[in-house]
Amino acid sequence: MRLSTSGETLVKHREMLDENKHMMSANQDLINKIGTKLERARDNLQNEIIMSRDEIQSKIDQMDKFYIEQMTSIENMIRSDKSDVKSEINKTNETFKKQLITEIDKLKTFVNNITSAAQAHRETLQEKYNEKLSKIKDVCAQYFSKYEKHLLHQAEMVKALEQRQEGWVNTLIKPQEVNQARLFSVDTRIKEGELTRLKDF
């Protein structure tokens, strides 16, 4: 009875071992499959990473190329704009120079016309001034001639008055002065005589 039980137990253990082996084999197959899948996934991921890297590098290269093209285009546009601006500046300068020369010519013409008109007016005024100055000179000459004659007449009248005054002095004033001198001399002698008498007393 015990042997049969032990045999059954052994059989069960063998069956269990077989099942375990089978399970282990199945697990190993599953592990191998999982490993294979993992390797495939790893390979796929590496491939995707490589592809992504290549794609990113391609995009970077495209961006670099686009940036270089844009920079080149911008530089060309700047050069073109500079050239256009210089051309416009030169045109503007030429236009301004022409306008300036035209205005200067107009101003010169205006100044010359004004100068000519002023010169003509000055000459006219000079002629009128010379005419008036000649008339003024004539009037002044006539006036000074009359004034000189008047002065000569006045000088003759003064000379005649001086002669009359001298005659009056000789006839009227000098004799009176002589008489006054004689009276003063007599009076002085009388006073001196009186003073001498007073001293003698």
Foldseek 3Di string as FASTA:
>chain_A
DVVVVVVVVVVVVVVVVVVVVVVVVVVVVVVVVVVVVVVVVVVVVVVVVVVVVVVVVVVVVVVVVVVVVVVVVVVVVVVVVVVVVVVVVVVVVVVVVVVVVVVVVVVVVVVVVVVVVVVVVVVVVVVVVVVVVVVVVVVVVVVVVVVVVVVVVVVVVVVVVVVVVVVCCVVPVVVVVVVVVVVVVVVVVVVVVVVVVVVVD
